[in-house]
All heavy atoms as atom14 arrays in JSON, in Angstrom:
{
  "sequence": "APGKQRQLVAAITPGGRTNYADSVKGRFTISRDNAKNTVYLQMNSL",
  "atom14_mask": [
    [1, 1, 1, 1, 1, 0, 0, 0, 0, 0, 0, 0, 0, 0],
    [1, 1, 1, 1, 1, 1, 1, 0, 0, 0, 0, 0, 0, 0],
    [1, 1, 1, 1, 0, 0, 0, 0, 0, 0, 0, 0, 0, 0],
    [1, 1, 1, 1, 1, 1, 1, 1, 1, 0, 0, 0, 0, 0],
    [1, 1, 1, 1, 1, 1, 1, 1, 1, 0, 0, 0, 0, 0],
    [1, 1, 1, 1, 1, 1, 1, 1, 1, 1, 1, 0, 0, 0],
    [1, 1, 1, 1, 1, 1, 1, 1, 1, 0, 0, 0, 0, 0],
    [1, 1, 1, 1, 1, 1, 1, 1, 0, 0, 0, 0, 0, 0],
    [1, 1, 1, 1, 1, 1, 1, 0, 0, 0, 0, 0, 0, 0],
    [1, 1, 1, 1, 1, 0, 0, 0, 0, 0, 0, 0, 0, 0],
    [1, 1, 1, 1, 1, 0, 0, 0, 0, 0, 0, 0, 0, 0],
    [1, 1, 1, 1, 1, 1, 1, 1, 0, 0, 0, 0, 0, 0],
    [1, 1, 1, 1, 1, 1, 1, 0, 0, 0, 0, 0, 0, 0],
    [1, 1, 1, 1, 1, 1, 1, 0, 0, 0, 0, 0, 0, 0],
    [1, 1, 1, 1, 0, 0, 0, 0, 0, 0, 0, 0, 0, 0],
    [1, 1, 1, 1, 0, 0, 0, 0, 0, 0, 0, 0, 0, 0],
    [1, 1, 1, 1, 1, 1, 1, 1, 1, 1, 1, 0, 0, 0],
    [1, 1, 1, 1, 1, 1, 1, 0, 0, 0, 0, 0, 0, 0],
    [1, 1, 1, 1, 1, 1, 1, 1, 0, 0, 0, 0, 0, 0],
    [1, 1, 1, 1, 1, 1, 1, 1, 1, 1, 1, 1, 0, 0],
    [1, 1, 1, 1, 1, 0, 0, 0, 0, 0, 0, 0, 0, 0],
    [1, 1, 1, 1, 1, 1, 1, 1, 0, 0, 0, 0, 0, 0],
    [1, 1, 1, 1, 1, 1, 0, 0, 0, 0, 0, 0, 0, 0],
    [1, 1, 1, 1, 1, 1, 1, 0, 0, 0, 0, 0, 0, 0],
    [1, 1, 1, 1, 1, 1, 1, 1, 1, 0, 0, 0, 0, 0],
    [1, 1, 1, 1, 0, 0, 0, 0, 0, 0, 0, 0, 0, 0],
    [1, 1, 1, 1, 1, 1, 1, 1, 1, 1, 1, 0, 0, 0],
    [1, 1, 1, 1, 1, 1, 1, 1, 1, 1, 1, 0, 0, 0],
    [1, 1, 1, 1, 1, 1, 1, 0, 0, 0, 0, 0, 0, 0],
    [1, 1, 1, 1, 1, 1, 1, 1, 0, 0, 0, 0, 0, 0],
    [1, 1, 1, 1, 1, 1, 0, 0, 0, 0, 0, 0, 0, 0],
    [1, 1, 1, 1, 1, 1, 1, 1, 1, 1, 1, 0, 0, 0],
    [1, 1, 1, 1, 1, 1, 1, 1, 0, 0, 0, 0, 0, 0],
    [1, 1, 1, 1, 1, 1, 1, 1, 0, 0, 0, 0, 0, 0],
    [1, 1, 1, 1, 1, 0, 0, 0, 0, 0, 0, 0, 0, 0],
    [1, 1, 1, 1, 1, 1, 1, 1, 1, 0, 0, 0, 0, 0],
    [1, 1, 1, 1, 1, 1, 1, 1, 0, 0, 0, 0, 0, 0],
    [1, 1, 1, 1, 1, 1, 1, 0, 0, 0, 0, 0, 0, 0],
    [1, 1, 1, 1, 1, 1, 1, 0, 0, 0, 0, 0, 0, 0],
    [1, 1, 1, 1, 1, 1, 1, 1, 1, 1, 1, 1, 0, 0],
    [1, 1, 1, 1, 1, 1, 1, 1, 0, 0, 0, 0, 0, 0],
    [1, 1, 1, 1, 1, 1, 1, 1, 1, 0, 0, 0, 0, 0],
    [1, 1, 1, 1, 1, 1, 1, 1, 0, 0, 0, 0, 0, 0],
    [1, 1, 1, 1, 1, 1, 1, 1, 0, 0, 0, 0, 0, 0],
    [1, 1, 1, 1, 1, 1, 0, 0, 0, 0, 0, 0, 0, 0],
    [1, 1, 1, 1, 1, 1, 1, 1, 0, 0, 0, 0, 0, 0]
  ],
  "atom14_positions": [
    [[100.91, -140.76, -18.47], [101.53, -142.08, -18.54], [102.13, -142.19, -19.86], [101.8, -141.52, -20.77], [100.5, -143.15, -18.25], [0.0, 0.0, 0.0], [0.0, 0.0, 0.0], [0.0, 0.0, 0.0], [0.0, 0.0, 0.0], [0.0, 0.0, 0.0], [0.0, 0.0, 0.0], [0.0, 0.0, 0.0], [0.0, 0.0, 0.0], [0.0, 0.0, 0.0]],
    [[103.06, -143.06, -20.07], [103.81, -143.26, -21.41], [102.8, -143.64, -22.39], [102.01, -144.42, -22.3], [104.77, -144.5, -21.13], [105.01, -144.46, -19.58], [103.62, -143.96, -19.02], [0.0, 0.0, 0.0], [0.0, 0.0, 0.0], [0.0, 0.0, 0.0], [0.0, 0.0, 0.0], [0.0, 0.0, 0.0], [0.0, 0.0, 0.0], [0.0, 0.0, 0.0]],
    [[103.01, -142.87, -23.52], [102.08, -143.11, -24.7], [100.73, -142.42, -24.64], [99.89, -142.74, -25.53], [0.0, 0.0, 0.0], [0.0, 0.0, 0.0], [0.0, 0.0, 0.0], [0.0, 0.0, 0.0], [0.0, 0.0, 0.0], [0.0, 0.0, 0.0], [0.0, 0.0, 0.0], [0.0, 0.0, 0.0], [0.0, 0.0, 0.0], [0.0, 0.0, 0.0]],
    [[100.42, -141.86, -23.52], [99.05, -141.4, -23.24], [99.14, -139.81, -23.04], [100.11, -139.11, -22.76], [98.46, -141.87, -21.98], [98.22, -143.38, -22.24], [97.47, -143.99, -21.01], [97.13, -145.53, -21.13], [96.33, -146.06, -20.05], [0.0, 0.0, 0.0], [0.0, 0.0, 0.0], [0.0, 0.0, 0.0], [0.0, 0.0, 0.0], [0.0, 0.0, 0.0]],
    [[97.91, -139.12, -23.31], [97.78, -137.75, -23.12], [97.76, -137.35, -21.65], [97.39, -138.23, -20.74], [96.45, -137.2, -23.83], [96.6, -137.18, -25.39], [95.45, -136.43, -25.87], [94.3, -136.5, -25.25], [95.61, -135.96, -27.04], [0.0, 0.0, 0.0], [0.0, 0.0, 0.0], [0.0, 0.0, 0.0], [0.0, 0.0, 0.0], [0.0, 0.0, 0.0]],
    [[98.19, -136.13, -21.31], [98.06, -135.7, -20.0], [96.64, -135.56, -19.63], [95.88, -135.06, -20.35], [98.8, -134.32, -19.84], [98.94, -133.8, -18.47], [99.82, -132.56, -18.49], [101.24, -132.76, -18.75], [101.99, -131.91, -19.43], [101.57, -130.88, -19.97], [103.22, -132.29, -19.59], [0.0, 0.0, 0.0], [0.0, 0.0, 0.0], [0.0, 0.0, 0.0]],
    [[96.38, -135.9, -18.38], [94.9, -135.83, -17.84], [94.91, -135.27, -16.51], [95.76, -135.44, -15.74], [94.32, -137.27, -17.92], [94.89, -138.22, -17.08], [94.26, -139.68, -16.97], [94.58, -140.46, -16.14], [93.35, -139.82, -17.83], [0.0, 0.0, 0.0], [0.0, 0.0, 0.0], [0.0, 0.0, 0.0], [0.0, 0.0, 0.0], [0.0, 0.0, 0.0]],
    [[93.72, -134.64, -16.24], [93.43, -134.08, -14.76], [93.24, -135.22, -13.88], [92.4, -136.06, -14.08], [92.38, -133.06, -14.82], [92.02, -132.43, -13.5], [92.99, -131.62, -13.17], [90.67, -131.91, -13.57], [0.0, 0.0, 0.0], [0.0, 0.0, 0.0], [0.0, 0.0, 0.0], [0.0, 0.0, 0.0], [0.0, 0.0, 0.0], [0.0, 0.0, 0.0]],
    [[93.84, -135.19, -12.73], [93.67, -136.16, -11.61], [92.68, -135.49, -10.57], [91.77, -136.23, -10.23], [94.98, -136.52, -11.01], [94.69, -137.48, -9.82], [95.78, -137.22, -12.09], [0.0, 0.0, 0.0], [0.0, 0.0, 0.0], [0.0, 0.0, 0.0], [0.0, 0.0, 0.0], [0.0, 0.0, 0.0], [0.0, 0.0, 0.0], [0.0, 0.0, 0.0]],
    [[93.05, -134.22, -10.16], [92.16, -133.67, -9.09], [92.41, -132.17, -9.17], [93.48, -131.69, -9.65], [92.69, -134.19, -7.75], [0.0, 0.0, 0.0], [0.0, 0.0, 0.0], [0.0, 0.0, 0.0], [0.0, 0.0, 0.0], [0.0, 0.0, 0.0], [0.0, 0.0, 0.0], [0.0, 0.0, 0.0], [0.0, 0.0, 0.0], [0.0, 0.0, 0.0]],
    [[91.49, -131.4, -8.72], [91.58, -129.93, -8.77], [90.95, -129.37, -7.46], [90.2, -129.98, -6.79], [90.92, -129.36, -9.99], [0.0, 0.0, 0.0], [0.0, 0.0, 0.0], [0.0, 0.0, 0.0], [0.0, 0.0, 0.0], [0.0, 0.0, 0.0], [0.0, 0.0, 0.0], [0.0, 0.0, 0.0], [0.0, 0.0, 0.0], [0.0, 0.0, 0.0]],
    [[91.42, -128.16, -7.0], [91.06, -127.5, -5.81], [90.97, -126.01, -6.11], [91.84, -125.41, -6.58], [91.92, -127.88, -4.61], [91.32, -127.27, -3.36], [93.42, -127.39, -4.95], [92.12, -127.82, -2.13], [0.0, 0.0, 0.0], [0.0, 0.0, 0.0], [0.0, 0.0, 0.0], [0.0, 0.0, 0.0], [0.0, 0.0, 0.0], [0.0, 0.0, 0.0]],
    [[89.89, -125.36, -5.68], [89.74, -123.92, -5.86], [90.35, -123.31, -4.66], [90.82, -123.87, -3.64], [88.22, -123.55, -5.73], [87.76, -123.93, -4.35], [87.43, -124.36, -6.73], [0.0, 0.0, 0.0], [0.0, 0.0, 0.0], [0.0, 0.0, 0.0], [0.0, 0.0, 0.0], [0.0, 0.0, 0.0], [0.0, 0.0, 0.0], [0.0, 0.0, 0.0]],
    [[90.68, -121.94, -4.81], [91.29, -121.22, -3.61], [90.46, -121.31, -2.3], [90.96, -121.31, -1.33], [91.26, -119.7, -4.14], [91.26, -119.79, -5.64], [90.5, -121.12, -5.92], [0.0, 0.0, 0.0], [0.0, 0.0, 0.0], [0.0, 0.0, 0.0], [0.0, 0.0, 0.0], [0.0, 0.0, 0.0], [0.0, 0.0, 0.0], [0.0, 0.0, 0.0]],
    [[89.3, -121.55, -2.45], [88.34, -121.74, -1.26], [88.27, -123.15, -0.74], [87.75, -123.43, 0.28], [0.0, 0.0, 0.0], [0.0, 0.0, 0.0], [0.0, 0.0, 0.0], [0.0, 0.0, 0.0], [0.0, 0.0, 0.0], [0.0, 0.0, 0.0], [0.0, 0.0, 0.0], [0.0, 0.0, 0.0], [0.0, 0.0, 0.0], [0.0, 0.0, 0.0]],
    [[88.99, -124.18, -1.48], [88.99, -125.48, -1.01], [88.07, -126.42, -1.57], [87.95, -127.62, -1.3], [0.0, 0.0, 0.0], [0.0, 0.0, 0.0], [0.0, 0.0, 0.0], [0.0, 0.0, 0.0], [0.0, 0.0, 0.0], [0.0, 0.0, 0.0], [0.0, 0.0, 0.0], [0.0, 0.0, 0.0], [0.0, 0.0, 0.0], [0.0, 0.0, 0.0]],
    [[87.24, -126.08, -2.56], [86.31, -127.04, -3.23], [87.18, -127.89, -4.16], [88.12, -127.43, -4.89], [85.34, -126.26, -4.11], [84.13, -127.12, -4.65], [83.16, -126.38, -5.3], [82.45, -125.59, -4.49], [81.49, -124.75, -4.75], [80.95, -124.6, -5.87], [80.87, -124.03, -3.74], [0.0, 0.0, 0.0], [0.0, 0.0, 0.0], [0.0, 0.0, 0.0]],
    [[86.84, -129.26, -4.11], [87.63, -130.25, -4.78], [86.85, -131.0, -5.87], [85.59, -131.09, -5.65], [88.27, -131.17, -3.88], [87.3, -131.76, -3.08], [89.21, -130.49, -2.87], [0.0, 0.0, 0.0], [0.0, 0.0, 0.0], [0.0, 0.0, 0.0], [0.0, 0.0, 0.0], [0.0, 0.0, 0.0], [0.0, 0.0, 0.0], [0.0, 0.0, 0.0]],
    [[87.48, -131.56, -6.81], [86.8, -132.56, -7.73], [87.94, -133.45, -8.19], [89.28, -133.11, -8.21], [86.14, -131.91, -8.91], [87.09, -131.17, -9.92], [87.54, -130.02, -9.66], [87.36, -131.86, -11.07], [0.0, 0.0, 0.0], [0.0, 0.0, 0.0], [0.0, 0.0, 0.0], [0.0, 0.0, 0.0], [0.0, 0.0, 0.0], [0.0, 0.0, 0.0]],
    [[87.55, -134.61, -8.5], [88.49, -135.7, -8.81], [88.13, -136.49, -9.99], [86.9, -136.7, -10.42], [88.53, -136.75, -7.56], [89.05, -136.19, -6.34], [88.04, -135.58, -5.45], [90.42, -136.17, -6.0], [88.67, -135.02, -4.23], [90.87, -135.64, -4.79], [89.96, -135.06, -3.99], [90.4, -134.5, -2.71], [0.0, 0.0, 0.0], [0.0, 0.0, 0.0]],
    [[89.05, -137.12, -10.73], [88.71, -137.97, -11.82], [88.27, -139.32, -11.27], [88.5, -139.61, -10.03], [90.09, -138.39, -12.48], [0.0, 0.0, 0.0], [0.0, 0.0, 0.0], [0.0, 0.0, 0.0], [0.0, 0.0, 0.0], [0.0, 0.0, 0.0], [0.0, 0.0, 0.0], [0.0, 0.0, 0.0], [0.0, 0.0, 0.0], [0.0, 0.0, 0.0]],
    [[87.23, -139.89, -11.92], [86.59, -141.06, -11.38], [87.53, -142.15, -10.94], [87.38, -142.89, -9.99], [85.6, -141.62, -12.38], [84.4, -140.71, -12.57], [84.11, -139.93, -11.76], [83.83, -140.89, -13.63], [0.0, 0.0, 0.0], [0.0, 0.0, 0.0], [0.0, 0.0, 0.0], [0.0, 0.0, 0.0], [0.0, 0.0, 0.0], [0.0, 0.0, 0.0]],
    [[88.64, -142.25, -11.71], [89.71, -143.31, -11.45], [90.32, -143.2, -10.06], [90.97, -144.1, -9.67], [90.76, -143.35, -12.55], [91.36, -142.12, -12.7], [0.0, 0.0, 0.0], [0.0, 0.0, 0.0], [0.0, 0.0, 0.0], [0.0, 0.0, 0.0], [0.0, 0.0, 0.0], [0.0, 0.0, 0.0], [0.0, 0.0, 0.0], [0.0, 0.0, 0.0]],
    [[90.32, -142.01, -9.57], [91.05, -141.79, -8.25], [90.15, -141.46, -7.07], [90.66, -141.37, -5.94], [92.2, -140.78, -8.34], [93.08, -141.05, -9.6], [91.58, -139.43, -8.52], [0.0, 0.0, 0.0], [0.0, 0.0, 0.0], [0.0, 0.0, 0.0], [0.0, 0.0, 0.0], [0.0, 0.0, 0.0], [0.0, 0.0, 0.0], [0.0, 0.0, 0.0]],
    [[88.82, -141.34, -7.29], [88.01, -140.95, -6.26], [88.03, -141.85, -5.0], [88.1, -143.14, -5.31], [86.48, -140.94, -6.79], [86.16, -139.61, -7.54], [84.68, -139.59, -7.97], [84.45, -138.31, -8.72], [83.12, -138.19, -9.21], [0.0, 0.0, 0.0], [0.0, 0.0, 0.0], [0.0, 0.0, 0.0], [0.0, 0.0, 0.0], [0.0, 0.0, 0.0]],
    [[88.12, -141.48, -3.9], [88.21, -142.28, -2.72], [89.51, -142.71, -2.36], [89.76, -143.48, -1.32], [0.0, 0.0, 0.0], [0.0, 0.0, 0.0], [0.0, 0.0, 0.0], [0.0, 0.0, 0.0], [0.0, 0.0, 0.0], [0.0, 0.0, 0.0], [0.0, 0.0, 0.0], [0.0, 0.0, 0.0], [0.0, 0.0, 0.0], [0.0, 0.0, 0.0]],
    [[90.48, -142.54, -3.21], [91.91, -142.93, -3.02], [92.86, -141.68, -2.91], [93.79, -141.8, -2.05], [92.37, -143.79, -4.08], [91.56, -145.2, -4.3], [92.23, -146.03, -5.23], [92.36, -145.5, -6.69], [93.48, -145.39, -7.22], [94.66, -145.66, -6.67], [93.53, -144.83, -8.49], [0.0, 0.0, 0.0], [0.0, 0.0, 0.0], [0.0, 0.0, 0.0]],
    [[92.62, -140.72, -3.57], [93.47, -139.54, -3.59], [92.74, -138.33, -2.96], [91.52, -138.12, -3.1], [93.7, -139.11, -5.14], [94.7, -140.02, -5.78], [95.07, -141.33, -5.41], [95.28, -139.67, -7.08], [95.84, -142.15, -5.96], [96.07, -140.5, -7.71], [96.38, -141.69, -7.32], [0.0, 0.0, 0.0], [0.0, 0.0, 0.0], [0.0, 0.0, 0.0]],
    [[93.61, -137.48, -2.29], [93.11, -136.26, -1.69], [93.92, -135.16, -2.12], [95.11, -135.21, -1.72], [92.87, -136.46, -0.18], [92.11, -137.52, 0.18], [92.3, -135.23, 0.42], [0.0, 0.0, 0.0], [0.0, 0.0, 0.0], [0.0, 0.0, 0.0], [0.0, 0.0, 0.0], [0.0, 0.0, 0.0], [0.0, 0.0, 0.0], [0.0, 0.0, 0.0]],
    [[93.27, -134.11, -2.65], [93.99, -132.82, -2.89], [93.74, -131.81, -1.87], [92.71, -131.79, -1.33], [93.65, -132.41, -4.26], [94.58, -131.14, -4.78], [92.17, -131.91, -4.41], [94.34, -130.62, -6.14], [0.0, 0.0, 0.0], [0.0, 0.0, 0.0], [0.0, 0.0, 0.0], [0.0, 0.0, 0.0], [0.0, 0.0, 0.0], [0.0, 0.0, 0.0]],
    [[94.8, -131.09, -1.43], [94.68, -129.95, -0.54], [95.64, -128.94, -0.86], [96.56, -129.09, -1.7], [94.96, -130.57, 0.97], [96.33, -131.18, 1.04], [0.0, 0.0, 0.0], [0.0, 0.0, 0.0], [0.0, 0.0, 0.0], [0.0, 0.0, 0.0], [0.0, 0.0, 0.0], [0.0, 0.0, 0.0], [0.0, 0.0, 0.0], [0.0, 0.0, 0.0]],
    [[95.57, -127.77, -0.16], [96.43, -126.68, -0.49], [96.68, -125.91, 0.86], [95.88, -125.81, 1.73], [95.83, -125.75, -1.46], [94.45, -125.07, -1.15], [93.84, -124.43, -2.37], [94.54, -123.33, -2.86], [94.48, -122.75, -4.08], [93.69, -123.4, -4.95], [95.2, -121.67, -4.41], [0.0, 0.0, 0.0], [0.0, 0.0, 0.0], [0.0, 0.0, 0.0]],
    [[97.87, -125.35, 0.98], [98.32, -124.54, 1.96], [98.5, -123.17, 1.54], [99.59, -122.91, 0.86], [99.56, -125.09, 2.74], [99.89, -124.47, 4.0], [99.62, -123.17, 4.09], [100.54, -124.93, 4.8], [0.0, 0.0, 0.0], [0.0, 0.0, 0.0], [0.0, 0.0, 0.0], [0.0, 0.0, 0.0], [0.0, 0.0, 0.0], [0.0, 0.0, 0.0]],
    [[97.72, -122.24, 1.63], [97.73, -121.02, 1.02], [98.89, -120.18, 1.58], [99.51, -119.36, 0.87], [96.41, -120.21, 1.17], [95.27, -120.82, 0.4], [95.53, -121.46, -0.61], [94.13, -120.58, 0.87], [0.0, 0.0, 0.0], [0.0, 0.0, 0.0], [0.0, 0.0, 0.0], [0.0, 0.0, 0.0], [0.0, 0.0, 0.0], [0.0, 0.0, 0.0]],
    [[99.25, -120.33, 2.77], [100.39, -119.67, 3.43], [101.68, -120.16, 2.86], [102.71, -119.24, 2.86], [100.26, -119.81, 4.89], [0.0, 0.0, 0.0], [0.0, 0.0, 0.0], [0.0, 0.0, 0.0], [0.0, 0.0, 0.0], [0.0, 0.0, 0.0], [0.0, 0.0, 0.0], [0.0, 0.0, 0.0], [0.0, 0.0, 0.0], [0.0, 0.0, 0.0]],
    [[101.78, -121.26, 2.38], [103.07, -121.82, 1.73], [103.02, -121.92, 0.25], [103.9, -122.43, -0.43], [103.37, -123.27, 2.33], [103.43, -123.25, 3.79], [103.86, -124.65, 4.33], [104.08, -124.67, 5.75], [104.4, -126.13, 6.26], [0.0, 0.0, 0.0], [0.0, 0.0, 0.0], [0.0, 0.0, 0.0], [0.0, 0.0, 0.0], [0.0, 0.0, 0.0]],
    [[101.96, -121.54, -0.48], [101.74, -121.5, -1.83], [102.04, -122.91, -2.39], [102.75, -123.13, -3.36], [102.82, -120.62, -2.51], [102.43, -119.01, -2.27], [101.39, -118.8, -1.84], [103.42, -118.24, -2.55], [0.0, 0.0, 0.0], [0.0, 0.0, 0.0], [0.0, 0.0, 0.0], [0.0, 0.0, 0.0], [0.0, 0.0, 0.0], [0.0, 0.0, 0.0]],
    [[101.57, -123.92, -1.65], [101.72, -125.3, -1.91], [100.48, -126.03, -2.1], [99.56, -125.84, -1.27], [102.57, -126.01, -0.91], [103.92, -125.22, -0.75], [102.97, -127.45, -1.16], [0.0, 0.0, 0.0], [0.0, 0.0, 0.0], [0.0, 0.0, 0.0], [0.0, 0.0, 0.0], [0.0, 0.0, 0.0], [0.0, 0.0, 0.0], [0.0, 0.0, 0.0]],
    [[100.48, -126.86, -3.11], [99.26, -127.79, -3.22], [99.81, -129.18, -3.02], [100.88, -129.68, -3.52], [98.6, -127.59, -4.6], [99.53, -127.79, -5.79], [97.42, -128.46, -4.74], [0.0, 0.0, 0.0], [0.0, 0.0, 0.0], [0.0, 0.0, 0.0], [0.0, 0.0, 0.0], [0.0, 0.0, 0.0], [0.0, 0.0, 0.0], [0.0, 0.0, 0.0]],
    [[99.03, -130.08, -2.39], [99.43, -131.44, -2.15], [98.55, -132.5, -2.77], [97.39, -132.2, -2.96], [99.39, -131.6, -0.69], [100.26, -130.73, 0.15], [99.65, -129.64, 0.8], [101.62, -130.9, 0.32], [100.4, -128.81, 1.5], [102.35, -130.13, 1.09], [101.83, -128.98, 1.64], [102.56, -128.16, 2.47], [0.0, 0.0, 0.0], [0.0, 0.0, 0.0]],
    [[99.0, -133.68, -3.12], [98.15, -134.79, -3.44], [98.54, -136.03, -2.64], [99.69, -136.58, -2.84], [98.35, -135.06, -4.96], [97.4, -136.2, -5.44], [96.01, -135.55, -5.6], [97.81, -136.53, -6.9], [0.0, 0.0, 0.0], [0.0, 0.0, 0.0], [0.0, 0.0, 0.0], [0.0, 0.0, 0.0], [0.0, 0.0, 0.0], [0.0, 0.0, 0.0]],
    [[97.68, -136.46, -1.75], [97.84, -137.57, -0.97], [97.18, -138.61, -1.74], [96.09, -138.73, -2.04], [97.22, -137.49, 0.38], [97.25, -138.75, 1.29], [98.6, -139.14, 1.73], [99.31, -138.19, 2.15], [98.96, -140.24, 1.61], [0.0, 0.0, 0.0], [0.0, 0.0, 0.0], [0.0, 0.0, 0.0], [0.0, 0.0, 0.0], [0.0, 0.0, 0.0]],
    [[98.13, -139.79, -1.99], [97.64, -140.91, -2.84], [97.75, -142.24, -1.99], [98.84, -142.45, -1.55], [98.58, -140.99, -4.07], [98.61, -139.67, -4.86], [99.54, -139.91, -6.53], [101.18, -140.21, -5.9], [0.0, 0.0, 0.0], [0.0, 0.0, 0.0], [0.0, 0.0, 0.0], [0.0, 0.0, 0.0], [0.0, 0.0, 0.0], [0.0, 0.0, 0.0]],
    [[96.63, -142.77, -1.82], [96.59, -144.03, -1.08], [95.99, -145.2, -1.95], [95.42, -144.82, -3.13], [95.59, -143.88, 0.1], [95.96, -142.81, 1.09], [97.24, -142.57, 1.36], [95.03, -142.2, 1.74], [0.0, 0.0, 0.0], [0.0, 0.0, 0.0], [0.0, 0.0, 0.0], [0.0, 0.0, 0.0], [0.0, 0.0, 0.0], [0.0, 0.0, 0.0]],
    [[96.24, -146.45, -1.48], [95.8, -147.51, -2.28], [96.29, -147.51, -3.69], [95.39, -147.65, -4.6], [94.19, -147.59, -2.16], [93.91, -147.69, -0.76], [0.0, 0.0, 0.0], [0.0, 0.0, 0.0], [0.0, 0.0, 0.0], [0.0, 0.0, 0.0], [0.0, 0.0, 0.0], [0.0, 0.0, 0.0], [0.0, 0.0, 0.0], [0.0, 0.0, 0.0]],
    [[97.41, -147.12, -3.9], [98.02, -146.98, -5.26], [97.95, -148.29, -6.14], [98.05, -149.37, -5.59], [99.47, -146.49, -5.22], [99.52, -145.04, -4.89], [100.98, -144.66, -4.43], [99.11, -144.13, -6.12], [0.0, 0.0, 0.0], [0.0, 0.0, 0.0], [0.0, 0.0, 0.0], [0.0, 0.0, 0.0], [0.0, 0.0, 0.0], [0.0, 0.0, 0.0]]
  ]
}
């Protein structure tokens, strides 16, 4: 965010294990498609 340091929001291992910052738990979902080399972040209740 403007004037702030970069911070981790969510992370996912190659096997699919996830962890989230407390501020986004229950609202954001991280996922990955290994076939497409793509990682997603679904953000709800913004």
